[in-house]
Amino acid sequence: MTCAAVIVAAGSGSRMGMSIPKQYAMLAGLPVLVRAIRPFLLHSAIDRIVVVAPPDRLDETASLLAAYDCVGPRVACIPGGQRRQDSVLAGLKAVPATDEIVLIHDGARPLLTKALIDRCIEAARQDGAAIAAIPEYDTLKRQDEHQRIAATVSREGLWRVQTPQAARLSLLLDAFAQYGQADVTDEAALLEMAGIPVALVEGERTNIKITRPEDLTLIETLLSAKSKTQMKIKTGLGQDSHKFEIADRKKNLILGGVIFEGWTPLEGNSDADVVLHAITNSISSITGVNIIGKVSDHMCKEMNITDSKEYLKEALKHFKDYTINHVSISIECMTPLISPKIEEMKLSLSRILKINSEDIGITATSGEYMTAFGRGEGIQVLSIVTATRK
C-alpha cells in the first residue's frame, strides 16, 4: 500500500505578528517548513510529498526546498487556496491516484517523529482513516458573554487534534466532493460529515503547532535540550595490534601497564603495550587528536619516551572536557593466558585513567587459530571508551 504526504503550508500566520509566514521562520538553524518536511523525506513508506505553498511565494518556497536538499522526483510544490481545506484539496489532486493512503500534515509542526508517522499509516491501513491526537488532561471551562465561567466542561472523551491526519485517498476525495464547501478546521471533520469512521492515534506532546511567538521559543528549547542530550555522551572505538618480538632483546611483555614475566615481548620501538595503545586510540576517536602514530612517534624517537602510559596521558590532556564512564577491552591472543592478570590489569588501568576498576571490563579470547593472533603470531586489542562531556 503506497503512501503520500501533503504538507499544508499556504497560511499567512497572521497571529505570529511576523514579517514572513511562520513556516519560513528559522528554527534552530533550519526553516520551520524544512523541519516539517524532512521526516517524510526520510521515511521509506512515503512515495510522494506535495508541499502546498502560498501562491505568491511559490518560487520562494521551491528555492527554499532546493537550498535545504528537500527536492527530488518525490517532491512537488504547488500553490494553495484561500482556505486550509482548499489547499488540502489542491494537494490531494496532485497526489497520484496510485497512492492509496495520504497523510496531511501542518507545515508549522516541525517536531514530527517517524514513530508517529508509522502509527498513523498503520491505523489508516486498518481503519481507512486516522488522526493523531492527544487526550485532554486540563480542566475545561466554558465562558459566558462577560468572559466569566459559565460551566465546567467534562474532559472525558475529549482529545486535542494534531497532524498527521491520514486516510485512504478515495475516502478523502469523496468527503471533499460531498462537503468540501462547508467551512471546517480539519479534514477529519469532512470525513465525519461523510459518515466515515476516523480512528484516534496517540499523538505526541512535543508535536507542537507554531501559532504564537512563544511557540517558537518553546520548540527551540526542546530542540536545544535534545541536541545537548545527543551530544553529551560519546563513544570511542580503538584498535591496536603488535606481533611478537623475534630478536632476543631484554624487553618485557607489558599489557595494560602490567608485566607478564617470562613471556615473549611484543615488537615495537616503545614498550608495545597494545592495550594502552588501543585505549589511547579510543580516546583519540572522541577528541579527534591522534596520538598513536603521530605524537607517540615524536615522543619515542625524539624524546626517548617508550612508556606507553605517557602516550595515554598525552591523549588525556585533550580529554579534560570529558568524564570516562566505562572502558571495555577485548584481547585476542593464543598466548599468554590473560585471565589470571585481569584484576591486576583493571587496577593498573584505573590508576592511569583515574576511574574505578568496576568501570573497566576486560575479556580475552584465544582466537581458535582463525587469525594470526589466534595462531600465536601476536596480540590484537579492541577498546571502547564511553565518556560524558562535562
Protein backbone atom coordinates (compact mmCIF):
# COMPACT_ATOMS: atom_id res chain seq x y z
CA MET A 1 0.00 0.00 0.00
CA THR A 2 1.66 3.21 -1.21
CA CYS A 3 1.59 6.44 0.79
CA ALA A 4 1.83 10.15 0.04
CA ALA A 5 2.14 13.23 2.24
CA VAL A 6 0.53 16.62 1.74
CA ILE A 7 2.28 19.38 3.68
CA VAL A 8 -0.10 22.29 4.19
CA ALA A 9 1.96 25.49 4.28
CA ALA A 10 -0.16 28.06 2.47
CA GLY A 11 -1.28 30.07 5.52
CA SER A 12 -0.24 33.62 6.33
CA GLY A 13 0.44 33.06 10.03
CA SER A 14 -1.01 36.46 10.92
CA ARG A 15 -1.24 35.67 14.64
CA MET A 16 2.55 35.43 14.81
CA GLY A 17 2.97 39.13 14.04
CA MET A 18 5.98 38.39 11.85
CA SER A 19 7.06 39.94 8.56
CA ILE A 20 7.04 36.49 6.94
CA PRO A 21 4.70 33.49 7.33
CA LYS A 22 5.71 31.34 10.30
CA GLN A 23 6.58 28.32 8.14
CA TYR A 24 9.53 30.27 6.72
CA ALA A 25 10.87 31.36 10.12
CA MET A 26 14.25 29.98 11.16
CA LEU A 27 14.16 27.45 13.97
CA ALA A 28 17.47 26.31 15.46
CA GLY A 29 19.26 26.78 12.14
CA LEU A 30 16.58 25.40 9.82
CA PRO A 31 13.33 26.83 8.42
CA VAL A 32 10.19 25.53 10.13
CA LEU A 33 8.88 24.16 6.83
CA VAL A 34 12.06 22.19 6.18
CA ARG A 35 11.81 20.59 9.62
CA ALA A 36 8.18 19.66 8.90
CA ILE A 37 9.04 18.04 5.56
CA ARG A 38 12.19 16.11 6.46
CA PRO A 39 10.53 13.32 8.49
CA PHE A 40 8.55 12.39 5.36
CA LEU A 41 11.61 12.64 3.11
CA LEU A 42 13.44 10.23 5.39
CA HIS A 43 10.53 7.80 5.67
CA SER A 44 10.77 4.79 3.37
CA ALA A 45 6.99 4.35 3.12
CA ILE A 46 6.35 7.83 1.67
CA ASP A 47 6.41 7.77 -2.14
CA ARG A 48 5.19 11.29 -2.84
CA ILE A 49 5.36 14.62 -0.98
CA VAL A 50 3.22 17.57 -2.07
CA VAL A 51 4.09 20.90 -0.48
CA VAL A 52 1.21 23.38 -0.70
CA ALA A 53 2.60 26.92 -0.50
CA PRO A 54 1.16 30.45 -0.67
CA PRO A 55 0.59 31.29 -4.36
CA ASP A 56 2.64 34.49 -4.08
CA ARG A 57 5.55 32.59 -2.51
CA LEU A 58 5.63 29.55 -4.77
CA ASP A 59 9.02 30.32 -6.35
CA GLU A 60 10.46 31.33 -2.99
CA THR A 61 9.27 28.05 -1.47
CA ALA A 62 10.74 25.99 -4.31
CA SER A 63 14.07 27.79 -3.89
CA LEU A 64 13.98 27.22 -0.14
CA LEU A 65 13.36 23.50 -0.56
CA ALA A 66 16.21 23.27 -3.07
CA ALA A 67 18.58 25.13 -0.73
CA TYR A 68 17.98 22.54 2.00
CA ASP A 69 18.02 19.50 -0.30
CA CYS A 70 14.29 18.87 0.04
CA VAL A 71 13.84 18.23 -3.65
CA GLY A 72 13.70 15.27 -5.99
CA PRO A 73 11.27 13.25 -8.05
CA ARG A 74 9.15 12.53 -4.96
CA VAL A 75 8.61 16.22 -4.11
CA ALA A 76 6.22 18.68 -5.74
CA CYS A 77 5.47 22.27 -4.76
CA ILE A 78 2.06 23.68 -5.72
CA PRO A 79 0.00 26.81 -4.90
CA GLY A 80 -2.61 26.67 -2.17
CA GLY A 81 -6.10 28.11 -1.89
CA GLN A 82 -7.91 30.68 0.20
CA ARG A 83 -8.95 28.28 2.97
CA ARG A 84 -6.96 25.47 4.56
CA GLN A 85 -9.35 22.89 3.09
CA ASP A 86 -8.89 24.44 -0.36
CA SER A 87 -5.14 23.96 -0.01
CA VAL A 88 -5.61 20.40 1.18
CA LEU A 89 -7.83 19.60 -1.79
CA ALA A 90 -5.25 21.06 -4.17
CA GLY A 91 -2.66 18.81 -2.56
CA LEU A 92 -4.89 15.75 -2.84
CA LYS A 93 -5.45 16.39 -6.54
CA ALA A 94 -1.66 16.48 -7.02
CA VAL A 95 -1.27 13.05 -5.45
CA PRO A 96 -1.11 10.17 -7.98
CA ALA A 97 -4.21 8.00 -7.93
CA THR A 98 -1.95 5.02 -7.32
CA ASP A 99 -1.14 6.28 -3.82
CA GLU A 100 -3.67 4.66 -1.55
CA ILE A 101 -3.03 6.48 1.75
CA VAL A 102 -2.41 10.21 2.19
CA LEU A 103 -1.03 11.85 5.32
CA ILE A 104 -1.92 15.53 5.67
CA HIS A 105 0.45 17.46 7.91
CA ASP A 106 0.72 21.06 9.07
CA GLY A 107 3.79 22.83 7.72
CA ALA A 108 4.01 24.57 11.10
CA ARG A 109 4.55 21.35 13.10
CA PRO A 110 8.34 20.91 12.98
CA LEU A 111 8.83 18.15 15.59
CA LEU A 112 7.09 15.24 13.89
CA THR A 113 8.67 11.82 14.55
CA LYS A 114 8.93 8.70 12.43
CA ALA A 115 7.13 6.75 15.14
CA LEU A 116 4.03 8.95 14.87
CA ILE A 117 4.05 8.68 11.06
CA ASP A 118 4.23 4.90 11.45
CA ARG A 119 1.27 4.83 13.83
CA CYS A 120 -0.87 6.98 11.54
CA ILE A 121 -0.10 4.86 8.47
CA GLU A 122 -0.86 1.62 10.29
CA ALA A 123 -4.15 2.94 11.69
CA ALA A 124 -5.24 4.24 8.26
CA ARG A 125 -4.42 0.88 6.72
CA GLN A 126 -6.58 -0.89 9.27
CA ASP A 127 -9.48 1.57 9.65
CA GLY A 128 -9.43 3.67 6.49
CA ALA A 129 -8.89 6.97 8.30
CA ALA A 130 -6.97 8.06 11.42
CA ILE A 131 -5.71 11.25 13.04
CA ALA A 132 -3.01 11.99 15.57
CA ALA A 133 -4.41 13.41 18.80
CA ILE A 134 -3.65 13.62 22.50
CA PRO A 135 -6.12 13.14 25.36
CA GLU A 136 -7.24 16.35 27.05
CA TYR A 137 -5.94 16.44 30.62
CA ASP A 138 -6.58 20.08 31.56
CA THR A 139 -9.76 21.25 33.23
CA LEU A 140 -12.01 22.96 30.68
CA LYS A 141 -14.31 25.93 31.29
CA ARG A 142 -17.00 27.48 29.10
CA GLN A 143 -17.29 31.26 29.33
CA ASP A 144 -20.35 33.50 29.22
CA GLU A 145 -20.74 36.77 27.33
CA HIS A 146 -18.86 38.61 30.11
CA GLN A 147 -15.86 36.26 29.90
CA ARG A 148 -16.75 34.64 33.18
CA ILE A 149 -17.09 30.93 33.83
CA ALA A 150 -20.45 29.65 32.70
CA ALA A 151 -19.80 25.95 33.21
CA THR A 152 -17.13 23.32 33.70
CA VAL A 153 -16.88 21.07 30.67
CA SER A 154 -16.21 17.40 31.19
CA ARG A 155 -12.91 16.41 29.59
CA GLU A 156 -13.89 12.74 29.46
CA GLY A 157 -13.52 11.50 25.90
CA LEU A 158 -12.04 14.78 24.65
CA TRP A 159 -8.92 14.77 22.50
CA ARG A 160 -6.75 17.60 21.22
CA VAL A 161 -6.25 17.09 17.48
CA GLN A 162 -2.84 17.17 15.79
CA THR A 163 -1.48 16.14 12.42
CA PRO A 164 -0.73 13.95 10.51
CA GLN A 165 -4.30 13.14 9.56
CA ALA A 166 -4.19 10.01 7.43
CA ALA A 167 -6.83 8.38 5.25
CA ARG A 168 -7.31 6.47 2.06
CA LEU A 169 -7.15 8.90 -0.86
CA SER A 170 -10.52 7.72 -2.20
CA LEU A 171 -12.25 8.45 1.14
CA LEU A 172 -10.78 11.95 1.32
CA LEU A 173 -11.79 12.81 -2.24
CA ASP A 174 -15.33 11.51 -1.63
CA ALA A 175 -15.66 13.59 1.55
CA PHE A 176 -14.44 16.72 -0.24
CA ALA A 177 -16.81 16.07 -3.15
CA GLN A 178 -19.79 15.90 -0.79
CA TYR A 179 -18.98 18.52 1.85
CA GLY A 180 -15.98 20.48 0.59
CA GLN A 181 -17.97 23.75 0.55
CA ALA A 182 -18.55 23.62 4.32
CA ASP A 183 -16.15 25.60 6.47
CA VAL A 184 -14.18 23.17 8.63
CA THR A 185 -10.89 23.34 10.52
CA ASP A 186 -9.54 19.93 9.56
CA GLU A 187 -10.00 17.04 7.17
CA ALA A 188 -11.38 14.75 9.86
CA ALA A 189 -14.45 16.99 10.10
CA LEU A 190 -15.26 16.36 6.44
CA LEU A 191 -14.77 12.62 6.91
CA GLU A 192 -17.13 12.74 9.90
CA MET A 193 -19.74 14.61 7.85
CA ALA A 194 -19.48 11.93 5.18
CA GLY A 195 -20.14 9.25 7.79
CA ILE A 196 -16.61 7.80 7.57
CA PRO A 197 -15.25 6.49 10.92
CA VAL A 198 -11.95 8.09 11.94
CA ALA A 199 -9.63 6.36 14.41
CA LEU A 200 -7.72 8.28 17.06
CA VAL A 201 -3.97 7.65 17.17
CA GLU A 202 -1.97 8.60 20.25
CA GLY A 203 -0.04 11.71 19.28
CA GLU A 204 2.95 13.33 20.96
CA ARG A 205 3.00 16.36 23.24
CA THR A 206 6.13 17.62 21.51
CA ASN A 207 4.27 17.65 18.17
CA ILE A 208 3.50 21.34 18.68
CA LYS A 209 1.92 23.57 16.06
CA ILE A 210 3.51 27.00 15.89
CA THR A 211 0.72 29.52 16.33
CA ARG A 212 2.16 32.25 18.55
CA PRO A 213 5.70 33.65 19.04
CA GLU A 214 6.12 31.82 22.35
CA ASP A 215 5.69 28.51 20.49
CA LEU A 216 8.92 29.17 18.60
CA THR A 217 10.73 29.78 21.88
CA LEU A 218 9.34 26.58 23.39
CA ILE A 219 10.30 24.45 20.39
CA GLU A 220 13.80 25.96 20.28
CA THR A 221 14.18 24.98 23.94
CA LEU A 222 13.08 21.42 23.17
CA LEU A 223 15.48 21.16 20.23
CA SER A 224 18.34 22.55 22.30
CA ALA A 225 17.71 20.05 25.11
CA LYS A 226 17.55 17.20 22.58
CA SER A 227 20.81 18.32 20.96
CA LYS A 228 22.61 18.54 24.29
CA THR A 229 21.41 15.07 25.26
CA GLN A 230 22.55 13.61 21.96
CA MET A 231 25.94 15.28 22.08
CA LYS A 232 26.66 14.74 25.77
CA ILE A 233 27.58 11.04 25.60
CA LYS A 234 30.27 9.92 23.17
CA THR A 235 31.77 6.53 22.39
CA GLY A 236 35.27 5.96 21.06
CA LEU A 237 36.43 2.78 19.33
CA GLY A 238 40.13 1.94 19.30
CA GLN A 239 42.23 -0.93 17.99
CA ASP A 240 45.88 -1.87 18.01
CA SER A 241 47.95 -4.96 17.28
CA HIS A 242 51.60 -5.98 17.54
CA LYS A 243 53.42 -9.13 16.55
CA PHE A 244 55.71 -10.92 18.95
CA GLU A 245 59.39 -9.94 19.04
CA ILE A 246 61.70 -12.28 17.12
CA ALA A 247 65.06 -10.91 18.12
CA ASP A 248 66.43 -11.73 21.55
CA ARG A 249 66.02 -8.43 23.35
CA LYS A 250 65.87 -7.66 27.03
CA LYS A 251 62.29 -6.47 26.97
CA ASN A 252 59.17 -7.42 28.92
CA LEU A 253 55.71 -8.21 27.65
CA ILE A 254 53.51 -5.44 29.08
CA LEU A 255 49.74 -5.34 28.76
CA GLY A 256 47.64 -2.63 30.40
CA GLY A 257 50.66 -1.47 32.37
CA VAL A 258 51.18 -4.95 33.86
CA ILE A 259 54.31 -7.01 33.24
CA PHE A 260 53.81 -10.61 32.06
CA GLU A 261 57.08 -12.14 33.18
CA GLY A 262 58.64 -14.91 31.12
CA TRP A 263 56.58 -14.29 28.01
CA THR A 264 57.87 -13.19 24.61
CA PRO A 265 57.56 -9.39 24.33
CA LEU A 266 55.80 -7.56 21.53
CA GLU A 267 57.73 -5.83 18.77
CA GLY A 268 57.85 -2.05 18.75
CA ASN A 269 60.05 0.98 19.35
CA SER A 270 58.07 1.65 22.53
CA ASP A 271 57.21 -0.88 25.22
CA ALA A 272 54.49 -2.02 22.74
CA ASP A 273 51.72 -2.07 25.37
CA VAL A 274 49.00 -2.90 22.89
CA VAL A 275 46.24 -2.46 25.49
CA LEU A 276 47.24 1.11 26.32
CA HIS A 277 47.66 1.88 22.63
CA ALA A 278 44.10 0.70 21.90
CA ILE A 279 42.68 2.79 24.76
CA THR A 280 44.66 5.80 23.54
CA ASN A 281 43.12 5.33 20.09
CA SER A 282 39.65 5.15 21.64
CA ILE A 283 40.19 8.50 23.32
CA SER A 284 41.62 9.96 20.12
CA SER A 285 38.48 8.92 18.24
CA ILE A 286 36.45 11.06 20.66
CA THR A 287 38.73 14.10 20.77
CA GLY A 288 39.89 13.96 17.17
CA VAL A 289 43.52 14.38 18.28
CA ASN A 290 45.63 11.43 17.05
CA ILE A 291 48.37 10.38 19.45
CA ILE A 292 49.48 6.91 18.37
CA GLY A 293 51.49 7.13 15.15
CA LYS A 294 52.00 10.89 15.36
CA VAL A 295 52.66 12.33 18.80
CA SER A 296 53.86 9.00 20.15
CA ASP A 297 56.44 8.63 17.35
CA HIS A 298 57.89 12.03 18.22
CA MET A 299 57.93 11.19 21.93
CA CYS A 300 59.58 7.83 21.28
CA LYS A 301 62.16 8.78 18.65
CA GLU A 302 62.95 12.36 19.60
CA MET A 303 62.40 12.28 23.36
CA ASN A 304 63.24 8.62 24.01
CA ILE A 305 59.92 8.11 25.85
CA THR A 306 58.98 4.45 25.39
CA ASP A 307 56.50 4.05 28.26
CA SER A 308 53.03 3.76 26.69
CA LYS A 309 51.46 5.19 29.82
CA GLU A 310 52.91 8.53 28.77
CA TYR A 311 51.19 8.32 25.40
CA LEU A 312 47.87 7.67 27.11
CA LYS A 313 48.47 10.58 29.47
CA GLU A 314 49.14 12.79 26.45
CA ALA A 315 45.78 11.75 24.98
CA LEU A 316 44.07 12.51 28.30
CA LYS A 317 45.37 16.09 28.17
CA HIS A 318 42.91 16.65 25.32
CA PHE A 319 40.16 14.86 27.22
CA LYS A 320 39.64 17.37 30.02
CA ASP A 321 36.10 18.22 28.88
CA TYR A 322 35.03 14.59 29.33
CA THR A 323 34.47 12.14 32.15
CA ILE A 324 35.06 8.47 31.37
CA ASN A 325 32.03 6.32 32.15
CA HIS A 326 33.30 2.91 31.10
CA VAL A 327 36.20 1.22 29.36
CA SER A 328 35.75 -2.13 27.62
CA ILE A 329 38.77 -4.15 26.46
CA SER A 330 38.77 -7.29 24.28
CA ILE A 331 42.10 -9.09 23.83
CA GLU A 332 42.76 -11.73 21.17
CA CYS A 333 45.86 -13.91 21.53
CA MET A 334 46.91 -17.54 21.78
CA THR A 335 49.47 -16.69 24.44
CA PRO A 336 49.83 -15.61 27.18
CA LEU A 337 46.84 -16.64 29.27
CA ILE A 338 45.16 -13.33 30.13
CA SER A 339 42.58 -14.29 32.78
CA PRO A 340 44.98 -14.62 35.76
CA LYS A 341 46.09 -11.00 35.22
CA ILE A 342 42.73 -9.35 34.52
CA GLU A 343 42.16 -7.93 38.02
CA GLU A 344 45.72 -6.61 38.16
CA MET A 345 45.27 -5.00 34.72
CA LYS A 346 42.00 -3.39 35.80
CA LEU A 347 43.68 -1.92 38.87
CA SER A 348 46.55 -0.61 36.76
CA LEU A 349 44.20 0.98 34.24
CA SER A 350 42.04 2.51 36.98
CA ARG A 351 45.11 4.30 38.35
CA ILE A 352 46.14 5.62 34.93
CA LEU A 353 42.64 6.68 33.89
CA LYS A 354 41.58 7.79 37.38
CA ILE A 355 38.34 5.78 37.31
CA ASN A 356 37.01 2.91 39.42
CA SER A 357 38.17 -0.55 38.43
CA GLU A 358 34.48 -1.58 38.43
CA ASP A 359 34.08 0.68 35.39
CA ILE A 360 36.60 -1.34 33.40
CA GLY A 361 35.76 -4.58 31.65
CA ILE A 362 38.39 -6.91 30.18
CA THR A 363 37.68 -10.05 28.18
CA ALA A 364 40.04 -12.33 26.28
CA THR A 365 39.79 -14.93 23.54
CA SER A 366 42.33 -17.36 22.13
CA GLY A 367 41.25 -16.78 18.53
CA GLU A 368 40.91 -20.52 17.89
CA TYR A 369 43.70 -20.46 15.23
CA MET A 370 41.39 -18.42 12.98
CA THR A 371 43.63 -15.35 12.72
CA ALA A 372 47.32 -14.50 13.02
CA PHE A 373 46.67 -13.66 16.67
CA GLY A 374 44.86 -16.94 17.19
CA ARG A 375 47.88 -18.72 15.72
CA GLY A 376 50.20 -17.13 18.25
CA GLU A 377 51.86 -14.55 15.98
CA GLY A 378 50.92 -11.54 18.06
CA ILE A 379 48.21 -9.79 20.09
CA GLN A 380 45.25 -7.69 18.98
CA VAL A 381 43.18 -5.47 21.27
CA LEU A 382 39.86 -3.73 20.69
CA SER A 383 38.84 -0.93 23.05
CA ILE A 384 35.62 1.01 23.59
CA VAL A 385 35.59 4.10 25.79
CA THR A 386 32.29 5.72 26.75
CA ALA A 387 32.52 9.28 28.04
CA THR A 388 30.27 12.15 29.02
CA ARG A 389 31.01 15.77 28.17
CA LYS A 390 31.19 17.80 31.37
